[in-house]
Amino acid sequence: MSKYYVMGNFSQKGVKGLLTGDSNRESIVKKACEAMGCEFISYDITEGIFDFILVLEGDSEQIIAAKGAAMMSDDFDEMISIKAVSVDPIRKNLKQMQSAYTPPSAN
């Protein structure tokens, strides 16, 4: 499982529900994540370019399904996910590629 950061913006419908309702959004999001088999890490309402950020661990199919389900509710205008990666495997792959690759300018 990989760590993902899911960020998005509420639609007008979503903002209205968030501000006039009294549901515990963190608890609801946690329950939905765990129902899919994801590990919930955190959920925060944020100030700035995005209205919220969700941090969880799961696989790409779970993240795609979660984003799809959320977007179908019409409570969101935008949602993106970013997968966290480790730099060590990237360095290893880079070294392996560099040892086998010849750039066009070398010919």
N, C-alpha and C. Protein backbone atom coordinates (compact mmCIF):
# COMPACT_ATOMS: atom_id res chain seq x y z
N MET A 1 0.84 -1.18 0.00
CA MET A 1 0.00 0.00 0.00
C MET A 1 0.88 1.25 0.00
N SER A 2 0.41 2.26 -0.67
CA SER A 2 1.15 3.52 -0.78
C SER A 2 0.41 4.62 -0.04
N LYS A 3 1.15 5.66 0.32
CA LYS A 3 0.54 6.82 0.96
C LYS A 3 0.08 7.78 -0.13
N TYR A 4 -1.13 8.30 0.04
CA TYR A 4 -1.71 9.25 -0.90
C TYR A 4 -2.18 10.50 -0.15
N TYR A 5 -2.03 11.62 -0.83
CA TYR A 5 -2.58 12.89 -0.37
C TYR A 5 -3.70 13.23 -1.35
N VAL A 6 -4.91 13.33 -0.87
CA VAL A 6 -6.06 13.66 -1.71
C VAL A 6 -6.52 15.05 -1.30
N MET A 7 -6.55 15.96 -2.28
CA MET A 7 -6.93 17.34 -2.01
C MET A 7 -8.05 17.73 -2.95
N GLY A 8 -8.90 18.62 -2.48
CA GLY A 8 -9.99 19.04 -3.36
C GLY A 8 -10.71 20.27 -2.86
N ASN A 9 -11.71 20.64 -3.66
CA ASN A 9 -12.55 21.80 -3.37
C ASN A 9 -14.00 21.39 -3.38
N PHE A 10 -14.74 21.91 -2.41
CA PHE A 10 -16.17 21.66 -2.33
C PHE A 10 -16.92 22.49 -3.36
N SER A 11 -18.00 21.95 -3.87
CA SER A 11 -18.92 22.72 -4.71
C SER A 11 -19.75 23.61 -3.79
N GLN A 12 -20.59 24.47 -4.38
CA GLN A 12 -21.48 25.30 -3.56
C GLN A 12 -22.38 24.40 -2.71
N LYS A 13 -22.87 23.31 -3.30
CA LYS A 13 -23.70 22.35 -2.57
C LYS A 13 -22.93 21.76 -1.39
N GLY A 14 -21.68 21.39 -1.62
CA GLY A 14 -20.86 20.82 -0.57
C GLY A 14 -20.55 21.81 0.54
N VAL A 15 -20.24 23.05 0.17
CA VAL A 15 -19.96 24.08 1.17
C VAL A 15 -21.18 24.31 2.04
N LYS A 16 -22.34 24.39 1.41
CA LYS A 16 -23.58 24.61 2.17
C LYS A 16 -23.80 23.49 3.18
N GLY A 17 -23.63 22.25 2.75
CA GLY A 17 -23.80 21.12 3.65
C GLY A 17 -22.78 21.12 4.77
N LEU A 18 -21.54 21.46 4.44
CA LEU A 18 -20.47 21.49 5.43
C LEU A 18 -20.74 22.54 6.49
N LEU A 19 -21.13 23.75 6.05
CA LEU A 19 -21.27 24.86 6.98
C LEU A 19 -22.59 24.89 7.73
N THR A 20 -23.65 24.36 7.14
CA THR A 20 -24.95 24.39 7.82
C THR A 20 -25.28 23.08 8.51
N GLY A 21 -24.58 22.02 8.17
CA GLY A 21 -24.83 20.73 8.80
C GLY A 21 -24.00 20.57 10.06
N ASP A 22 -24.23 19.46 10.74
CA ASP A 22 -23.47 19.22 11.97
C ASP A 22 -22.81 17.84 11.97
N SER A 23 -22.62 17.27 10.77
CA SER A 23 -21.98 15.95 10.69
C SER A 23 -20.49 16.07 10.97
N ASN A 24 -19.92 15.00 11.48
CA ASN A 24 -18.48 14.93 11.74
C ASN A 24 -17.83 14.39 10.47
N ARG A 25 -17.35 15.29 9.61
CA ARG A 25 -16.81 14.89 8.31
C ARG A 25 -15.62 13.95 8.46
N GLU A 26 -14.75 14.19 9.43
CA GLU A 26 -13.59 13.33 9.60
C GLU A 26 -14.03 11.90 9.88
N SER A 27 -15.00 11.74 10.74
CA SER A 27 -15.49 10.40 11.08
C SER A 27 -16.12 9.70 9.87
N ILE A 28 -16.86 10.45 9.09
CA ILE A 28 -17.52 9.90 7.90
C ILE A 28 -16.48 9.49 6.85
N VAL A 29 -15.49 10.34 6.63
CA VAL A 29 -14.43 10.04 5.65
C VAL A 29 -13.63 8.83 6.12
N LYS A 30 -13.32 8.77 7.40
CA LYS A 30 -12.57 7.64 7.95
C LYS A 30 -13.33 6.33 7.74
N LYS A 31 -14.61 6.34 8.02
CA LYS A 31 -15.44 5.14 7.86
C LYS A 31 -15.46 4.69 6.39
N ALA A 32 -15.59 5.64 5.47
CA ALA A 32 -15.62 5.31 4.04
C ALA A 32 -14.28 4.74 3.58
N CYS A 33 -13.17 5.33 4.04
CA CYS A 33 -11.84 4.84 3.67
C CYS A 33 -11.63 3.41 4.18
N GLU A 34 -11.98 3.19 5.42
CA GLU A 34 -11.78 1.87 6.02
C GLU A 34 -12.68 0.82 5.39
N ALA A 35 -13.87 1.22 4.90
CA ALA A 35 -14.77 0.28 4.22
C ALA A 35 -14.14 -0.27 2.95
N MET A 36 -13.26 0.53 2.32
CA MET A 36 -12.56 0.09 1.10
C MET A 36 -11.28 -0.65 1.41
N GLY A 37 -10.88 -0.69 2.67
CA GLY A 37 -9.63 -1.35 3.02
C GLY A 37 -8.44 -0.41 3.07
N CYS A 38 -8.68 0.89 2.99
CA CYS A 38 -7.60 1.86 3.10
C CYS A 38 -7.32 2.15 4.57
N GLU A 39 -6.10 2.58 4.84
CA GLU A 39 -5.76 3.02 6.19
C GLU A 39 -5.89 4.53 6.24
N PHE A 40 -6.81 5.01 7.04
CA PHE A 40 -7.05 6.44 7.22
C PHE A 40 -5.94 7.01 8.09
N ILE A 41 -5.33 8.11 7.66
CA ILE A 41 -4.30 8.78 8.46
C ILE A 41 -4.81 10.10 9.01
N SER A 42 -5.34 10.97 8.13
CA SER A 42 -5.87 12.24 8.63
C SER A 42 -6.78 12.89 7.58
N TYR A 43 -7.62 13.79 8.06
CA TYR A 43 -8.50 14.58 7.20
C TYR A 43 -8.59 15.96 7.82
N ASP A 44 -8.29 16.99 7.03
CA ASP A 44 -8.34 18.35 7.54
C ASP A 44 -9.01 19.28 6.54
N ILE A 45 -9.80 20.20 7.06
CA ILE A 45 -10.29 21.33 6.28
C ILE A 45 -9.13 22.32 6.24
N THR A 46 -8.85 22.87 5.07
CA THR A 46 -7.67 23.71 4.92
C THR A 46 -8.02 25.09 4.37
N GLU A 47 -7.12 26.00 4.59
CA GLU A 47 -7.22 27.35 4.06
C GLU A 47 -6.24 27.45 2.90
N GLY A 48 -6.67 28.06 1.83
CA GLY A 48 -5.77 28.22 0.70
C GLY A 48 -6.38 27.68 -0.57
N ILE A 49 -5.54 27.14 -1.43
CA ILE A 49 -5.96 26.71 -2.75
C ILE A 49 -6.94 25.52 -2.71
N PHE A 50 -6.82 24.66 -1.69
CA PHE A 50 -7.73 23.52 -1.54
C PHE A 50 -8.53 23.67 -0.25
N ASP A 51 -9.74 23.11 -0.28
CA ASP A 51 -10.64 23.17 0.88
C ASP A 51 -10.35 22.08 1.90
N PHE A 52 -9.76 20.98 1.45
CA PHE A 52 -9.47 19.88 2.37
C PHE A 52 -8.28 19.08 1.87
N ILE A 53 -7.68 18.32 2.79
CA ILE A 53 -6.65 17.36 2.44
C ILE A 53 -6.89 16.10 3.26
N LEU A 54 -6.86 14.98 2.56
CA LEU A 54 -7.03 13.66 3.16
C LEU A 54 -5.73 12.90 2.95
N VAL A 55 -5.24 12.27 4.00
CA VAL A 55 -4.03 11.45 3.90
C VAL A 55 -4.43 10.02 4.25
N LEU A 56 -4.10 9.10 3.35
CA LEU A 56 -4.45 7.70 3.58
C LEU A 56 -3.45 6.79 2.92
N GLU A 57 -3.53 5.51 3.26
CA GLU A 57 -2.72 4.50 2.60
C GLU A 57 -3.64 3.54 1.91
N GLY A 58 -3.32 3.23 0.66
CA GLY A 58 -4.14 2.32 -0.13
C GLY A 58 -3.45 2.05 -1.45
N ASP A 59 -4.22 1.48 -2.39
CA ASP A 59 -3.67 1.26 -3.73
C ASP A 59 -4.39 2.17 -4.71
N SER A 60 -3.86 2.26 -5.91
CA SER A 60 -4.38 3.23 -6.88
C SER A 60 -5.83 2.95 -7.24
N GLU A 61 -6.24 1.69 -7.29
CA GLU A 61 -7.63 1.38 -7.61
C GLU A 61 -8.58 1.89 -6.52
N GLN A 62 -8.16 1.80 -5.27
CA GLN A 62 -8.99 2.33 -4.18
C GLN A 62 -9.10 3.84 -4.25
N ILE A 63 -8.00 4.49 -4.57
CA ILE A 63 -8.00 5.96 -4.65
C ILE A 63 -8.88 6.43 -5.79
N ILE A 64 -8.80 5.77 -6.93
CA ILE A 64 -9.63 6.14 -8.08
C ILE A 64 -11.11 5.94 -7.74
N ALA A 65 -11.43 4.83 -7.09
CA ALA A 65 -12.82 4.56 -6.71
C ALA A 65 -13.33 5.61 -5.71
N ALA A 66 -12.50 5.95 -4.74
CA ALA A 66 -12.90 6.93 -3.73
C ALA A 66 -13.16 8.29 -4.35
N LYS A 67 -12.25 8.71 -5.23
CA LYS A 67 -12.44 10.00 -5.90
C LYS A 67 -13.68 9.97 -6.77
N GLY A 68 -13.91 8.87 -7.48
CA GLY A 68 -15.09 8.75 -8.33
C GLY A 68 -16.38 8.84 -7.54
N ALA A 69 -16.43 8.12 -6.43
CA ALA A 69 -17.63 8.14 -5.59
C ALA A 69 -17.89 9.53 -5.04
N ALA A 70 -16.83 10.18 -4.58
CA ALA A 70 -16.98 11.53 -4.03
C ALA A 70 -17.44 12.51 -5.10
N MET A 71 -16.86 12.44 -6.29
CA MET A 71 -17.23 13.37 -7.36
C MET A 71 -18.67 13.15 -7.84
N MET A 72 -19.15 11.91 -7.78
CA MET A 72 -20.53 11.63 -8.19
C MET A 72 -21.55 12.25 -7.26
N SER A 73 -21.13 12.63 -6.06
CA SER A 73 -22.07 13.24 -5.10
C SER A 73 -22.41 14.69 -5.47
N ASP A 74 -21.67 15.28 -6.37
CA ASP A 74 -21.81 16.69 -6.74
C ASP A 74 -21.48 17.64 -5.59
N ASP A 75 -20.81 17.16 -4.55
CA ASP A 75 -20.40 18.00 -3.44
C ASP A 75 -18.99 18.55 -3.62
N PHE A 76 -18.35 18.19 -4.73
CA PHE A 76 -16.98 18.62 -4.98
C PHE A 76 -16.85 19.16 -6.40
N ASP A 77 -16.05 20.20 -6.56
CA ASP A 77 -15.75 20.74 -7.88
C ASP A 77 -14.46 20.17 -8.45
N GLU A 78 -13.53 19.83 -7.57
CA GLU A 78 -12.21 19.38 -8.01
C GLU A 78 -11.64 18.46 -6.95
N MET A 79 -10.89 17.46 -7.40
CA MET A 79 -10.19 16.56 -6.47
C MET A 79 -8.98 15.98 -7.18
N ILE A 80 -7.84 16.02 -6.52
CA ILE A 80 -6.63 15.43 -7.07
C ILE A 80 -6.01 14.52 -6.02
N SER A 81 -5.20 13.59 -6.48
CA SER A 81 -4.46 12.75 -5.55
C SER A 81 -2.99 12.76 -5.95
N ILE A 82 -2.15 12.70 -4.94
CA ILE A 82 -0.71 12.65 -5.15
C ILE A 82 -0.18 11.47 -4.36
N LYS A 83 0.56 10.61 -5.05
CA LYS A 83 1.14 9.43 -4.42
C LYS A 83 2.52 9.78 -3.88
N ALA A 84 2.76 9.47 -2.61
CA ALA A 84 4.08 9.67 -2.02
C ALA A 84 5.00 8.54 -2.49
N VAL A 85 6.24 8.89 -2.79
CA VAL A 85 7.21 7.89 -3.23
C VAL A 85 8.51 8.05 -2.44
N SER A 86 9.29 6.99 -2.41
CA SER A 86 10.59 7.00 -1.74
C SER A 86 11.68 7.34 -2.76
N VAL A 87 12.62 8.15 -2.37
CA VAL A 87 13.68 8.57 -3.29
C VAL A 87 14.70 7.46 -3.53
N ASP A 88 14.90 6.54 -2.59
CA ASP A 88 15.92 5.51 -2.75
C ASP A 88 15.70 4.62 -3.99
N PRO A 89 14.49 4.08 -4.21
CA PRO A 89 14.30 3.29 -5.43
C PRO A 89 14.46 4.13 -6.71
N ILE A 90 14.11 5.40 -6.63
CA ILE A 90 14.29 6.28 -7.80
C ILE A 90 15.77 6.41 -8.12
N ARG A 91 16.58 6.62 -7.11
CA ARG A 91 18.03 6.71 -7.33
C ARG A 91 18.59 5.42 -7.92
N LYS A 92 18.14 4.29 -7.39
CA LYS A 92 18.60 2.99 -7.89
C LYS A 92 18.24 2.81 -9.36
N ASN A 93 16.98 3.14 -9.71
CA ASN A 93 16.55 3.02 -11.10
C ASN A 93 17.32 3.97 -12.01
N LEU A 94 17.58 5.17 -11.53
CA LEU A 94 18.33 6.14 -12.31
C LEU A 94 19.74 5.62 -12.62
N LYS A 95 20.40 5.07 -11.62
CA LYS A 95 21.76 4.54 -11.82
C LYS A 95 21.74 3.38 -12.81
N GLN A 96 20.74 2.51 -12.72
CA GLN A 96 20.65 1.38 -13.65
C GLN A 96 20.41 1.87 -15.07
N MET A 97 19.55 2.86 -15.22
CA MET A 97 19.28 3.38 -16.55
C MET A 97 20.51 4.07 -17.13
N GLN A 98 21.18 4.87 -16.30
CA GLN A 98 22.35 5.60 -16.77
C GLN A 98 23.46 4.65 -17.24
N SER A 99 23.54 3.48 -16.61
CA SER A 99 24.58 2.54 -17.01
C SER A 99 24.26 1.87 -18.35
N ALA A 100 23.01 1.90 -18.77
CA ALA A 100 22.61 1.22 -20.01
C ALA A 100 22.22 2.19 -21.13
N TYR A 101 22.04 3.45 -20.82
CA TYR A 101 21.52 4.42 -21.79
C TYR A 101 22.64 5.19 -22.47
N THR A 102 22.50 5.35 -23.77
CA THR A 102 23.40 6.21 -24.54
C THR A 102 22.55 7.33 -25.13
N PRO A 103 22.83 8.57 -24.79
CA PRO A 103 22.04 9.67 -25.34
C PRO A 103 22.29 9.85 -26.83
N PRO A 104 21.32 10.41 -27.56
CA PRO A 104 21.49 10.61 -29.00
C PRO A 104 22.72 11.45 -29.35
N SER A 105 23.07 12.39 -28.50
CA SER A 105 24.22 13.26 -28.79
C SER A 105 25.56 12.55 -28.65
N ALA A 106 25.59 11.35 -28.11
CA ALA A 106 26.84 10.61 -27.92
C ALA A 106 27.25 9.88 -29.19
N ASN A 107 26.40 9.78 -30.18
CA ASN A 107 26.72 9.05 -31.41
C ASN A 107 27.43 9.91 -32.41
